[in-house]
Amino acid sequence: MAILVIAEHDNAVLAAATLNTVTAAQAIGGDIHVLVAGSGCTAAAEAAAKIDGVSKVLVADDAIYAHQLPENIAPLIVGLAKGYSHVLAPASTNGKNYLPRVAALLDVDQISDIIAVEGADTFKRPIYAGNAIATVQSSAPIKVISVRTTGFDPASAQGGSAAIEQVAAAGDAGKSTFLGEEVAKSDRPELGSAKIVISGGRGMLSSDNFQMLYTLADKLGAAVGASRAAVDAGFVPNDLQVGQTGKIVAPQLYIAVGISGAIQHLAGMKDSKVIVAINKDPEAPIFQVADYGLVGDLFEVIPELEKLV
């Protein structure tokens, strides 16, 4: 039994999500191969070959994969998938884009967002915004699976010595064209992989007040997030949203400031190792999942906390 893991990368650096996905593959058991599809992606392929537990790295280096358009990536994966029992990818924006196409082309069901492996054909995944966990068993000949990376520890990025093998491109589908992108740049850690996350909610009242969180985050080396309510109110851009329809995070420390704790938000952060809630409403639902709760006015608490850092 061999497993194909689709690497997440930017053609130069391998994303941390790939390491978590390899751990999920290890839990299934079998030879683990990693596909690196990109353009000028030699560095990413070499990094994948060093991952502990990976036995082979397949490299599809072609200009048509430079931006990993799903219409081009999916046929490549399908062509390779017939030699594998499982195809795994991170449940990231990219993974959610191309993996359903792969499952459809293979005429199999997709198993989405797994958080645990019970066996080679049995997996656990959250449903109802994480309020229930479903155990799913699949009889599909090729199991197409997206992995919620917060459910698995990262594999070691060092220690492996996998063989690197070139594979032919599947050809340009000609159905889409990459026009451009706007990438938000920040000196703070990336929200999805940060060890500390400070998130603000509707209680922040304005975008200007978020500056308090930015200042505190810089002192703590933390990433800044937000609830959907704060994003909808225009306080911060939507790439900072944490929740069921935003980013799923599981840092070592999650500080929720002025967040009531709606189910949608809890689904995106309740796997955090330690949760600290700051809210003036003692009945706020966020306190039900918090390890530490402070009832108080955030506009008094945050400045005091900043002085202690």
C-alpha atoms as a PDB file:
ATOM      1  CA  MET A   1       0.000   0.000   0.000  1.00  0.00           C
ATOM      2  CA  ALA A   2       1.451   3.328  -1.093  1.00  0.00           C
ATOM      3  CA  ILE A   3       0.192   6.805  -0.226  1.00  0.00           C
ATOM      4  CA  LEU A   4       0.557   9.943  -2.320  1.00  0.00           C
ATOM      5  CA  VAL A   5       0.810  13.242  -0.421  1.00  0.00           C
ATOM      6  CA  ILE A   6       0.386  16.450  -2.422  1.00  0.00           C
ATOM      7  CA  ALA A   7       2.896  19.030  -1.194  1.00  0.00           C
ATOM      8  CA  GLU A   8       1.897  22.596  -0.372  1.00  0.00           C
ATOM      9  CA  HIS A   9       4.610  25.063  -1.420  1.00  0.00           C
ATOM     10  CA  ASP A  10       5.383  28.352  -3.162  1.00  0.00           C
ATOM     11  CA  ASN A  11       7.910  26.794  -5.572  1.00  0.00           C
ATOM     12  CA  ALA A  12      10.737  27.670  -3.180  1.00  0.00           C
ATOM     13  CA  VAL A  13       9.649  26.844   0.374  1.00  0.00           C
ATOM     14  CA  LEU A  14       7.670  23.830   1.523  1.00  0.00           C
ATOM     15  CA  ALA A  15       4.646  24.838   3.616  1.00  0.00           C
ATOM     16  CA  ALA A  16       4.347  23.498   7.146  1.00  0.00           C
ATOM     17  CA  ALA A  17       0.982  21.957   6.251  1.00  0.00           C
ATOM     18  CA  THR A  18       2.828  19.344   4.201  1.00  0.00           C
ATOM     19  CA  LEU A  19       4.520  18.033   7.342  1.00  0.00           C
ATOM     20  CA  ASN A  20       1.184  17.596   9.139  1.00  0.00           C
ATOM     21  CA  THR A  21      -0.224  15.765   6.125  1.00  0.00           C
ATOM     22  CA  VAL A  22       2.739  13.392   6.082  1.00  0.00           C
ATOM     23  CA  THR A  23       1.981  12.553   9.724  1.00  0.00           C
ATOM     24  CA  ALA A  24      -1.585  11.659   8.726  1.00  0.00           C
ATOM     25  CA  ALA A  25      -0.173   9.428   5.991  1.00  0.00           C
ATOM     26  CA  GLN A  26       2.118   7.741   8.522  1.00  0.00           C
ATOM     27  CA  ALA A  27      -0.915   6.973  10.684  1.00  0.00           C
ATOM     28  CA  ILE A  28      -2.493   5.153   7.735  1.00  0.00           C
ATOM     29  CA  GLY A  29       0.667   3.150   7.114  1.00  0.00           C
ATOM     30  CA  GLY A  30       2.574   2.275   3.958  1.00  0.00           C
ATOM     31  CA  ASP A  31       5.143   3.820   1.647  1.00  0.00           C
ATOM     32  CA  ILE A  32       4.754   7.589   1.478  1.00  0.00           C
ATOM     33  CA  HIS A  33       5.448   9.450  -1.742  1.00  0.00           C
ATOM     34  CA  VAL A  34       5.218  13.231  -2.033  1.00  0.00           C
ATOM     35  CA  LEU A  35       4.239  15.046  -5.221  1.00  0.00           C
ATOM     36  CA  VAL A  36       5.794  18.480  -5.728  1.00  0.00           C
ATOM     37  CA  ALA A  37       4.150  20.155  -8.722  1.00  0.00           C
ATOM     38  CA  GLY A  38       5.365  23.625  -9.614  1.00  0.00           C
ATOM     39  CA  SER A  39       7.721  25.658 -11.740  1.00  0.00           C
ATOM     40  CA  GLY A  40      11.345  26.008 -10.683  1.00  0.00           C
ATOM     41  CA  CYS A  41      10.456  23.993  -7.592  1.00  0.00           C
ATOM     42  CA  THR A  42      13.758  22.179  -7.053  1.00  0.00           C
ATOM     43  CA  ALA A  43      14.259  23.683  -3.592  1.00  0.00           C
ATOM     44  CA  ALA A  44      10.793  22.578  -2.454  1.00  0.00           C
ATOM     45  CA  ALA A  45      11.412  19.077  -3.811  1.00  0.00           C
ATOM     46  CA  GLU A  46      14.743  18.816  -1.990  1.00  0.00           C
ATOM     47  CA  ALA A  47      13.048  19.907   1.237  1.00  0.00           C
ATOM     48  CA  ALA A  48      10.353  17.258   0.730  1.00  0.00           C
ATOM     49  CA  ALA A  49      13.028  14.585   0.257  1.00  0.00           C
ATOM     50  CA  LYS A  50      14.395  15.388   3.731  1.00  0.00           C
ATOM     51  CA  ILE A  51      11.065  14.783   5.512  1.00  0.00           C
ATOM     52  CA  ASP A  52      11.337  11.843   7.871  1.00  0.00           C
ATOM     53  CA  GLY A  53       9.194   8.948   6.661  1.00  0.00           C
ATOM     54  CA  VAL A  54       9.019   9.908   2.981  1.00  0.00           C
ATOM     55  CA  SER A  55      10.429   7.269   0.622  1.00  0.00           C
ATOM     56  CA  LYS A  56      10.058   9.025  -2.746  1.00  0.00           C
ATOM     57  CA  VAL A  57       9.465  12.533  -4.087  1.00  0.00           C
ATOM     58  CA  LEU A  58       7.793  12.973  -7.469  1.00  0.00           C
ATOM     59  CA  VAL A  59       8.551  16.267  -9.181  1.00  0.00           C
ATOM     60  CA  ALA A  60       6.424  17.782 -11.956  1.00  0.00           C
ATOM     61  CA  ASP A  61       8.374  20.896 -12.897  1.00  0.00           C
ATOM     62  CA  ASP A  62       6.569  22.798 -15.627  1.00  0.00           C
ATOM     63  CA  ALA A  63       5.426  26.374 -16.218  1.00  0.00           C
ATOM     64  CA  ILE A  64       1.774  25.257 -16.263  1.00  0.00           C
ATOM     65  CA  TYR A  65       2.064  24.390 -12.549  1.00  0.00           C
ATOM     66  CA  ALA A  66       3.664  27.696 -11.524  1.00  0.00           C
ATOM     67  CA  HIS A  67       0.492  28.876  -9.773  1.00  0.00           C
ATOM     68  CA  GLN A  68      -1.047  25.441  -9.182  1.00  0.00           C
ATOM     69  CA  LEU A  69      -4.240  26.102 -11.098  1.00  0.00           C
ATOM     70  CA  PRO A  70      -6.614  23.288 -10.131  1.00  0.00           C
ATOM     71  CA  GLU A  71      -7.657  22.621 -13.736  1.00  0.00           C
ATOM     72  CA  ASN A  72      -4.036  21.677 -14.480  1.00  0.00           C
ATOM     73  CA  ILE A  73      -3.043  20.078 -11.188  1.00  0.00           C
ATOM     74  CA  ALA A  74      -6.040  17.710 -10.981  1.00  0.00           C
ATOM     75  CA  PRO A  75      -5.311  15.736 -14.204  1.00  0.00           C
ATOM     76  CA  LEU A  76      -1.683  15.329 -13.093  1.00  0.00           C
ATOM     77  CA  ILE A  77      -2.745  13.869  -9.748  1.00  0.00           C
ATOM     78  CA  VAL A  78      -5.356  11.621 -11.380  1.00  0.00           C
ATOM     79  CA  GLY A  79      -2.738  10.218 -13.753  1.00  0.00           C
ATOM     80  CA  LEU A  80      -0.523   9.293 -10.812  1.00  0.00           C
ATOM     81  CA  ALA A  81      -3.262   8.255  -8.371  1.00  0.00           C
ATOM     82  CA  LYS A  82      -3.995   4.904  -9.980  1.00  0.00           C
ATOM     83  CA  GLY A  83      -0.790   3.575  -8.464  1.00  0.00           C
ATOM     84  CA  TYR A  84      -1.816   4.519  -4.913  1.00  0.00           C
ATOM     85  CA  SER A  85      -4.358   3.456  -2.316  1.00  0.00           C
ATOM     86  CA  HIS A  86      -4.673   6.944  -0.800  1.00  0.00           C
ATOM     87  CA  VAL A  87      -4.224  10.505  -2.036  1.00  0.00           C
ATOM     88  CA  LEU A  88      -3.806  13.093   0.741  1.00  0.00           C
ATOM     89  CA  ALA A  89      -3.580  16.866   0.638  1.00  0.00           C
ATOM     90  CA  PRO A  90      -3.835  19.617   3.268  1.00  0.00           C
ATOM     91  CA  ALA A  91      -7.333  21.059   3.688  1.00  0.00           C
ATOM     92  CA  SER A  92      -5.950  24.426   2.618  1.00  0.00           C
ATOM     93  CA  THR A  93      -7.282  26.838   0.014  1.00  0.00           C
ATOM     94  CA  ASN A  94      -5.327  24.987  -2.667  1.00  0.00           C
ATOM     95  CA  GLY A  95      -6.246  21.529  -1.420  1.00  0.00           C
ATOM     96  CA  LYS A  96      -9.929  22.400  -1.276  1.00  0.00           C
ATOM     97  CA  ASN A  97      -9.646  23.714  -4.824  1.00  0.00           C
ATOM     98  CA  TYR A  98      -8.117  20.777  -6.660  1.00  0.00           C
ATOM     99  CA  LEU A  99      -8.972  17.743  -4.503  1.00  0.00           C
ATOM    100  CA  PRO A 100     -12.736  17.637  -5.295  1.00  0.00           C
ATOM    101  CA  ARG A 101     -11.791  17.675  -8.980  1.00  0.00           C
ATOM    102  CA  VAL A 102      -9.465  14.730  -8.391  1.00  0.00           C
ATOM    103  CA  ALA A 103     -12.195  12.754  -6.620  1.00  0.00           C
ATOM    104  CA  ALA A 104     -14.704  13.500  -9.375  1.00  0.00           C
ATOM    105  CA  LEU A 105     -12.306  12.460 -12.143  1.00  0.00           C
ATOM    106  CA  LEU A 106     -11.535   9.232 -10.265  1.00  0.00           C
ATOM    107  CA  ASP A 107     -15.273   8.707  -9.632  1.00  0.00           C
ATOM    108  CA  VAL A 108     -14.777   8.219  -5.889  1.00  0.00           C
ATOM    109  CA  ASP A 109     -16.074   9.985  -2.785  1.00  0.00           C
ATOM    110  CA  GLN A 110     -13.853  12.545  -1.089  1.00  0.00           C
ATOM    111  CA  ILE A 111     -13.249  12.313   2.648  1.00  0.00           C
ATOM    112  CA  SER A 112     -12.832  15.874   3.875  1.00  0.00           C
ATOM    113  CA  ASP A 113     -11.087  17.483   6.829  1.00  0.00           C
ATOM    114  CA  ILE A 114      -9.977  14.368   8.698  1.00  0.00           C
ATOM    115  CA  ILE A 115      -8.621  14.915  12.208  1.00  0.00           C
ATOM    116  CA  ALA A 116      -7.766  11.299  13.106  1.00  0.00           C
ATOM    117  CA  VAL A 117      -7.009   7.966  11.441  1.00  0.00           C
ATOM    118  CA  GLU A 118      -8.781   4.908  12.831  1.00  0.00           C
ATOM    119  CA  GLY A 119      -7.588   2.538  10.119  1.00  0.00           C
ATOM    120  CA  ALA A 120      -6.640   2.404   6.454  1.00  0.00           C
ATOM    121  CA  ASP A 121     -10.287   2.901   5.481  1.00  0.00           C
ATOM    122  CA  THR A 122     -11.723   4.623   8.575  1.00  0.00           C
ATOM    123  CA  PHE A 123     -11.282   8.261   9.588  1.00  0.00           C
ATOM    124  CA  LYS A 124     -12.704  10.870  11.939  1.00  0.00           C
ATOM    125  CA  ARG A 125     -13.837  14.294  10.804  1.00  0.00           C
ATOM    126  CA  PRO A 126     -15.710  17.165  12.485  1.00  0.00           C
ATOM    127  CA  ILE A 127     -19.273  18.002  11.500  1.00  0.00           C
ATOM    128  CA  TYR A 128     -21.793  20.625  12.648  1.00  0.00           C
ATOM    129  CA  ALA A 129     -19.061  23.248  13.129  1.00  0.00           C
ATOM    130  CA  GLY A 130     -17.029  20.817  15.209  1.00  0.00           C
ATOM    131  CA  ASN A 131     -19.826  20.064  17.683  1.00  0.00           C
ATOM    132  CA  ALA A 132     -19.849  16.411  16.640  1.00  0.00           C
ATOM    133  CA  ILE A 133     -17.220  14.046  15.278  1.00  0.00           C
ATOM    134  CA  ALA A 134     -18.208  11.633  12.513  1.00  0.00           C
ATOM    135  CA  THR A 135     -16.421   8.335  11.945  1.00  0.00           C
ATOM    136  CA  VAL A 136     -16.337   7.692   8.198  1.00  0.00           C
ATOM    137  CA  GLN A 137     -15.489   4.391   6.518  1.00  0.00           C
ATOM    138  CA  SER A 138     -14.801   4.266   2.795  1.00  0.00           C
ATOM    139  CA  SER A 139     -14.671   1.295   0.410  1.00  0.00           C
ATOM    140  CA  ALA A 140     -13.372   3.397  -2.491  1.00  0.00           C
ATOM    141  CA  PRO A 141     -10.431   1.795  -4.314  1.00  0.00           C
ATOM    142  CA  ILE A 142      -8.534   5.083  -4.084  1.00  0.00           C
ATOM    143  CA  LYS A 143      -9.270   7.179  -1.027  1.00  0.00           C
ATOM    144  CA  VAL A 144      -9.061  10.921  -1.700  1.00  0.00           C
ATOM    145  CA  ILE A 145      -8.593  12.716   1.604  1.00  0.00           C
ATOM    146  CA  SER A 146      -8.101  16.292   2.771  1.00  0.00           C
ATOM    147  CA  VAL A 147      -6.333  16.664   6.123  1.00  0.00           C
ATOM    148  CA  ARG A 148      -7.160  19.248   8.764  1.00  0.00           C
ATOM    149  CA  THR A 149      -3.574  19.975   9.656  1.00  0.00           C
ATOM    150  CA  THR A 150      -4.331  21.139  13.192  1.00  0.00           C
ATOM    151  CA  GLY A 151      -5.356  17.558  13.979  1.00  0.00           C
ATOM    152  CA  PHE A 152      -1.865  16.143  13.398  1.00  0.00           C
ATOM    153  CA  ASP A 153       1.580  17.010  14.719  1.00  0.00           C
ATOM    154  CA  PRO A 154       4.115  17.910  12.010  1.00  0.00           C
ATOM    155  CA  ALA A 155       6.500  15.243  10.803  1.00  0.00           C
ATOM    156  CA  SER A 156      10.196  15.959  11.246  1.00  0.00           C
ATOM    157  CA  ALA A 157      11.516  18.095   8.404  1.00  0.00           C
ATOM    158  CA  GLN A 158      14.923  16.448   8.749  1.00  0.00           C
ATOM    159  CA  GLY A 159      16.149  12.882   8.781  1.00  0.00           C
ATOM    160  CA  GLY A 160      14.804  11.616   5.477  1.00  0.00           C
ATOM    161  CA  SER A 161      16.712  10.827   2.300  1.00  0.00           C
ATOM    162  CA  ALA A 162      14.008  10.098  -0.258  1.00  0.00           C
ATOM    163  CA  ALA A 163      14.766   9.505  -3.905  1.00  0.00           C
ATOM    164  CA  ILE A 164      13.685  12.303  -6.241  1.00  0.00           C
ATOM    165  CA  GLU A 165      12.010  11.269  -9.484  1.00  0.00           C
ATOM    166  CA  GLN A 166      10.855  13.492 -12.337  1.00  0.00           C
ATOM    167  CA  VAL A 167       7.366  12.931 -13.748  1.00  0.00           C
ATOM    168  CA  ALA A 168       5.918  14.250 -16.973  1.00  0.00           C
ATOM    169  CA  ALA A 169       3.430  17.124 -16.971  1.00  0.00           C
ATOM    170  CA  ALA A 170      -0.153  16.254 -17.854  1.00  0.00           C
ATOM    171  CA  GLY A 171      -0.489  19.204 -20.241  1.00  0.00           C
ATOM    172  CA  ASP A 172      -2.295  22.513 -20.075  1.00  0.00           C
ATOM    173  CA  ALA A 173      -6.055  22.038 -19.773  1.00  0.00           C
ATOM    174  CA  GLY A 174      -6.526  25.486 -21.278  1.00  0.00           C
ATOM    175  CA  LYS A 175      -9.531  26.210 -19.078  1.00  0.00           C
ATOM    176  CA  SER A 176      -8.089  28.929 -16.877  1.00  0.00           C
ATOM    177  CA  THR A 177      -5.357  31.552 -16.875  1.00  0.00           C
ATOM    178  CA  PHE A 178      -3.513  33.077 -13.951  1.00  0.00           C
ATOM    179  CA  LEU A 179      -3.865  36.862 -14.060  1.00  0.00           C
ATOM    180  CA  GLY A 180      -2.340  38.055 -10.795  1.00  0.00           C
ATOM    181  CA  GLU A 181      -2.510  38.017  -7.037  1.00  0.00           C
ATOM    182  CA  GLU A 182      -2.253  40.381  -4.100  1.00  0.00           C
ATOM    183  CA  VAL A 183      -0.352  38.854  -1.225  1.00  0.00           C
ATOM    184  CA  ALA A 184      -0.583  40.468   2.201  1.00  0.00           C
ATOM    185  CA  LYS A 185       2.876  40.835   3.721  1.00  0.00           C
ATOM    186  CA  SER A 186       3.539  41.034   7.431  1.00  0.00           C
ATOM    187  CA  ASP A 187       6.498  40.767   9.780  1.00  0.00           C
ATOM    188  CA  ARG A 188       4.298  38.788  12.157  1.00  0.00           C
ATOM    189  CA  PRO A 189       4.062  34.980  12.000  1.00  0.00           C
ATOM    190  CA  GLU A 190       1.617  33.434   9.521  1.00  0.00           C
ATOM    191  CA  LEU A 191      -1.759  32.963  11.185  1.00  0.00           C
ATOM    192  CA  GLY A 192      -2.148  29.276  10.375  1.00  0.00           C
ATOM    193  CA  SER A 193       1.213  28.225  11.809  1.00  0.00           C
ATOM    194  CA  ALA A 194       1.832  30.753  14.612  1.00  0.00           C
ATOM    195  CA  LYS A 195       2.494  29.431  18.118  1.00  0.00           C
ATOM    196  CA  ILE A 196       0.657  32.396  19.666  1.00  0.00           C
ATOM    197  CA  VAL A 197      -2.466  34.020  18.212  1.00  0.00           C
ATOM    198  CA  ILE A 198      -4.257  37.119  19.521  1.00  0.00           C
ATOM    199  CA  SER A 199      -7.721  37.595  18.058  1.00  0.00           C
ATOM    200  CA  GLY A 200     -10.121  40.493  18.391  1.00  0.00           C
ATOM    201  CA  GLY A 201     -13.869  40.516  18.021  1.00  0.00           C
ATOM    202  CA  ARG A 202     -16.773  42.920  17.777  1.00  0.00           C
ATOM    203  CA  GLY A 203     -15.835  44.234  21.212  1.00  0.00           C
ATOM    204  CA  MET A 204     -12.819  45.999  19.663  1.00  0.00           C
ATOM    205  CA  LEU A 205     -15.363  48.538  18.305  1.00  0.00           C
ATOM    206  CA  SER A 206     -13.169  49.882  15.480  1.00  0.00           C
ATOM    207  CA  SER A 207     -10.227  49.164  13.211  1.00  0.00           C
ATOM    208  CA  ASP A 208      -8.145  51.779  15.058  1.00  0.00           C
ATOM    209  CA  ASN A 209      -8.530  49.863  18.304  1.00  0.00           C
ATOM    210  CA  PHE A 210      -6.974  46.789  16.706  1.00  0.00           C
ATOM    211  CA  GLN A 211      -3.665  48.669  16.935  1.00  0.00           C
ATOM    212  CA  MET A 212      -3.582  47.610  20.596  1.00  0.00           C
ATOM    213  CA  LEU A 213      -3.565  43.980  19.529  1.00  0.00           C
ATOM    214  CA  TYR A 214      -0.929  44.577  16.850  1.00  0.00           C
ATOM    215  CA  THR A 215       1.363  46.189  19.426  1.00  0.00           C
ATOM    216  CA  LEU A 216       0.863  43.369  21.924  1.00  0.00           C
ATOM    217  CA  ALA A 217       1.318  40.765  19.193  1.00  0.00           C
ATOM    218  CA  ASP A 218       4.641  42.290  18.158  1.00  0.00           C
ATOM    219  CA  LYS A 219       5.907  42.049  21.721  1.00  0.00           C
ATOM    220  CA  LEU A 220       4.787  38.426  22.044  1.00  0.00           C
ATOM    221  CA  GLY A 221       5.870  37.342  18.562  1.00  0.00           C
ATOM    222  CA  ALA A 222       2.255  36.459  17.850  1.00  0.00           C
ATOM    223  CA  ALA A 223      -0.055  36.476  14.847  1.00  0.00           C
ATOM    224  CA  VAL A 224      -3.238  38.559  14.863  1.00  0.00           C
ATOM    225  CA  GLY A 225      -6.630  37.073  14.049  1.00  0.00           C
ATOM    226  CA  ALA A 226     -10.239  38.172  14.224  1.00  0.00           C
ATOM    227  CA  SER A 227     -13.764  36.868  14.533  1.00  0.00           C
ATOM    228  CA  ARG A 228     -16.157  36.972  11.600  1.00  0.00           C
ATOM    229  CA  ALA A 229     -18.069  39.769  13.322  1.00  0.00           C
ATOM    230  CA  ALA A 230     -14.939  41.941  13.348  1.00  0.00           C
ATOM    231  CA  VAL A 231     -14.251  41.162   9.693  1.00  0.00           C
ATOM    232  CA  ASP A 232     -17.844  41.841   8.642  1.00  0.00           C
ATOM    233  CA  ALA A 233     -17.717  45.151  10.508  1.00  0.00           C
ATOM    234  CA  GLY A 234     -14.688  46.147   8.433  1.00  0.00           C
ATOM    235  CA  PHE A 235     -12.276  46.308  11.377  1.00  0.00           C
ATOM    236  CA  VAL A 236      -9.716  44.024   9.671  1.00  0.00           C
ATOM    237  CA  PRO A 237      -9.289  42.288   6.294  1.00  0.00           C
ATOM    238  CA  ASN A 238     -10.884  38.864   5.835  1.00  0.00           C
ATOM    239  CA  ASP A 239      -7.527  37.049   5.619  1.00  0.00           C
ATOM    240  CA  LEU A 240      -7.355  37.453   9.420  1.00  0.00           C
ATOM    241  CA  GLN A 241     -10.647  35.655  10.035  1.00  0.00           C
ATOM    242  CA  VAL A 242     -10.505  32.645  12.340  1.00  0.00           C
ATOM    243  CA  GLY A 243     -13.459  30.289  12.250  1.00  0.00           C
ATOM    244  CA  GLN A 244     -15.424  27.751  10.278  1.00  0.00           C
ATOM    245  CA  THR A 245     -15.427  29.974   7.193  1.00  0.00           C
ATOM    246  CA  GLY A 246     -11.988  31.406   7.936  1.00  0.00           C
ATOM    247  CA  LYS A 247      -8.736  29.840   9.061  1.00  0.00           C
ATOM    248  CA  ILE A 248      -8.487  26.884  11.412  1.00  0.00           C
ATOM    249  CA  VAL A 249      -5.761  27.439  14.001  1.00  0.00           C
ATOM    250  CA  ALA A 250      -4.394  25.432  16.914  1.00  0.00           C
ATOM    251  CA  PRO A 251      -1.570  27.472  18.468  1.00  0.00           C
ATOM    252  CA  GLN A 252       0.099  26.844  21.804  1.00  0.00           C
ATOM    253  CA  LEU A 253      -1.645  29.977  23.128  1.00  0.00           C
ATOM    254  CA  TYR A 254      -4.831  31.604  21.824  1.00  0.00           C
ATOM    255  CA  ILE A 255      -5.926  34.928  23.319  1.00  0.00           C
ATOM    256  CA  ALA A 256      -9.514  35.924  22.494  1.00  0.00           C
ATOM    257  CA  VAL A 257     -10.158  39.628  23.108  1.00  0.00           C
ATOM    258  CA  GLY A 258     -13.695  40.975  22.946  1.00  0.00           C
ATOM    259  CA  ILE A 259     -14.956  37.785  21.284  1.00  0.00           C
ATOM    260  CA  SER A 260     -18.261  36.392  22.508  1.00  0.00           C
ATOM    261  CA  GLY A 261     -17.562  32.856  21.317  1.00  0.00           C
ATOM    262  CA  ALA A 262     -20.061  32.060  18.574  1.00  0.00           C
ATOM    263  CA  ILE A 263     -20.034  28.447  17.345  1.00  0.00           C
ATOM    264  CA  GLN A 264     -18.609  29.569  14.004  1.00  0.00           C
ATOM    265  CA  HIS A 265     -15.554  31.067  15.719  1.00  0.00           C
ATOM    266  CA  LEU A 266     -15.068  28.234  18.204  1.00  0.00           C
ATOM    267  CA  ALA A 267     -14.873  25.767  15.310  1.00  0.00           C
ATOM    268  CA  GLY A 268     -11.709  27.499  14.147  1.00  0.00           C
ATOM    269  CA  MET A 269      -9.753  27.722  17.418  1.00  0.00           C
ATOM    270  CA  LYS A 270     -11.000  25.351  20.105  1.00  0.00           C
ATOM    271  CA  ASP A 271      -8.157  22.888  19.466  1.00  0.00           C
ATOM    272  CA  SER A 272      -5.669  25.483  20.750  1.00  0.00           C
ATOM    273  CA  LYS A 273      -3.517  24.142  23.565  1.00  0.00           C
ATOM    274  CA  VAL A 274      -4.267  27.025  25.973  1.00  0.00           C
ATOM    275  CA  ILE A 275      -7.162  29.467  25.488  1.00  0.00           C
ATOM    276  CA  VAL A 276      -7.324  32.802  27.301  1.00  0.00           C
ATOM    277  CA  ALA A 277     -10.528  34.855  27.050  1.00  0.00           C
ATOM    278  CA  ILE A 278     -10.902  38.556  27.866  1.00  0.00           C
ATOM    279  CA  ASN A 279     -14.486  39.800  27.830  1.00  0.00           C
ATOM    280  CA  LYS A 280     -16.587  42.143  29.936  1.00  0.00           C
ATOM    281  CA  ASP A 281     -19.614  39.806  29.761  1.00  0.00           C
ATOM    282  CA  PRO A 282     -19.226  37.024  32.348  1.00  0.00           C
ATOM    283  CA  GLU A 283     -21.879  34.984  30.487  1.00  0.00           C
ATOM    284  CA  ALA A 284     -20.044  35.046  27.140  1.00  0.00           C
ATOM    285  CA  PRO A 285     -19.863  31.521  25.614  1.00  0.00           C
ATOM    286  CA  ILE A 286     -16.114  31.905  25.044  1.00  0.00           C
ATOM    287  CA  PHE A 287     -15.548  31.295  28.759  1.00  0.00           C
ATOM    288  CA  GLN A 288     -16.950  27.762  28.392  1.00  0.00           C
ATOM    289  CA  VAL A 289     -13.945  26.697  26.289  1.00  0.00           C
ATOM    290  CA  ALA A 290     -11.327  28.983  27.858  1.00  0.00           C
ATOM    291  CA  ASP A 291      -8.635  27.624  30.140  1.00  0.00           C
ATOM    292  CA  TYR A 292      -8.265  31.083  31.674  1.00  0.00           C
ATOM    293  CA  GLY A 293     -10.886  33.808  31.666  1.00  0.00           C
ATOM    294  CA  LEU A 294     -10.655  37.466  32.634  1.00  0.00           C
ATOM    295  CA  VAL A 295     -13.859  39.441  33.020  1.00  0.00           C
ATOM    296  CA  GLY A 296     -13.070  43.079  32.401  1.00  0.00           C
ATOM    297  CA  ASP A 297     -12.957  46.007  29.999  1.00  0.00           C
ATOM    298  CA  LEU A 298     -10.487  45.094  27.255  1.00  0.00           C
ATOM    299  CA  PHE A 299      -9.528  48.758  26.856  1.00  0.00           C
ATOM    300  CA  GLU A 300      -8.170  48.645  30.407  1.00  0.00           C
ATOM    301  CA  VAL A 301      -6.887  45.058  30.398  1.00  0.00           C
ATOM    302  CA  ILE A 302      -4.843  45.102  27.170  1.00  0.00           C
ATOM    303  CA  PRO A 303      -2.754  48.198  28.087  1.00  0.00           C
ATOM    304  CA  GLU A 304      -2.050  46.703  31.501  1.00  0.00           C
ATOM    305  CA  LEU A 305      -1.104  43.391  29.920  1.00  0.00           C
ATOM    306  CA  GLU A 306       1.200  45.154  27.462  1.00  0.00           C
ATOM    307  CA  LYS A 307       3.088  46.766  30.355  1.00  0.00           C
ATOM    308  CA  LEU A 308       3.823  43.320  31.776  1.00  0.00           C
ATOM    309  CA  VAL A 309       5.266  41.917  28.545  1.00  0.00           C
END
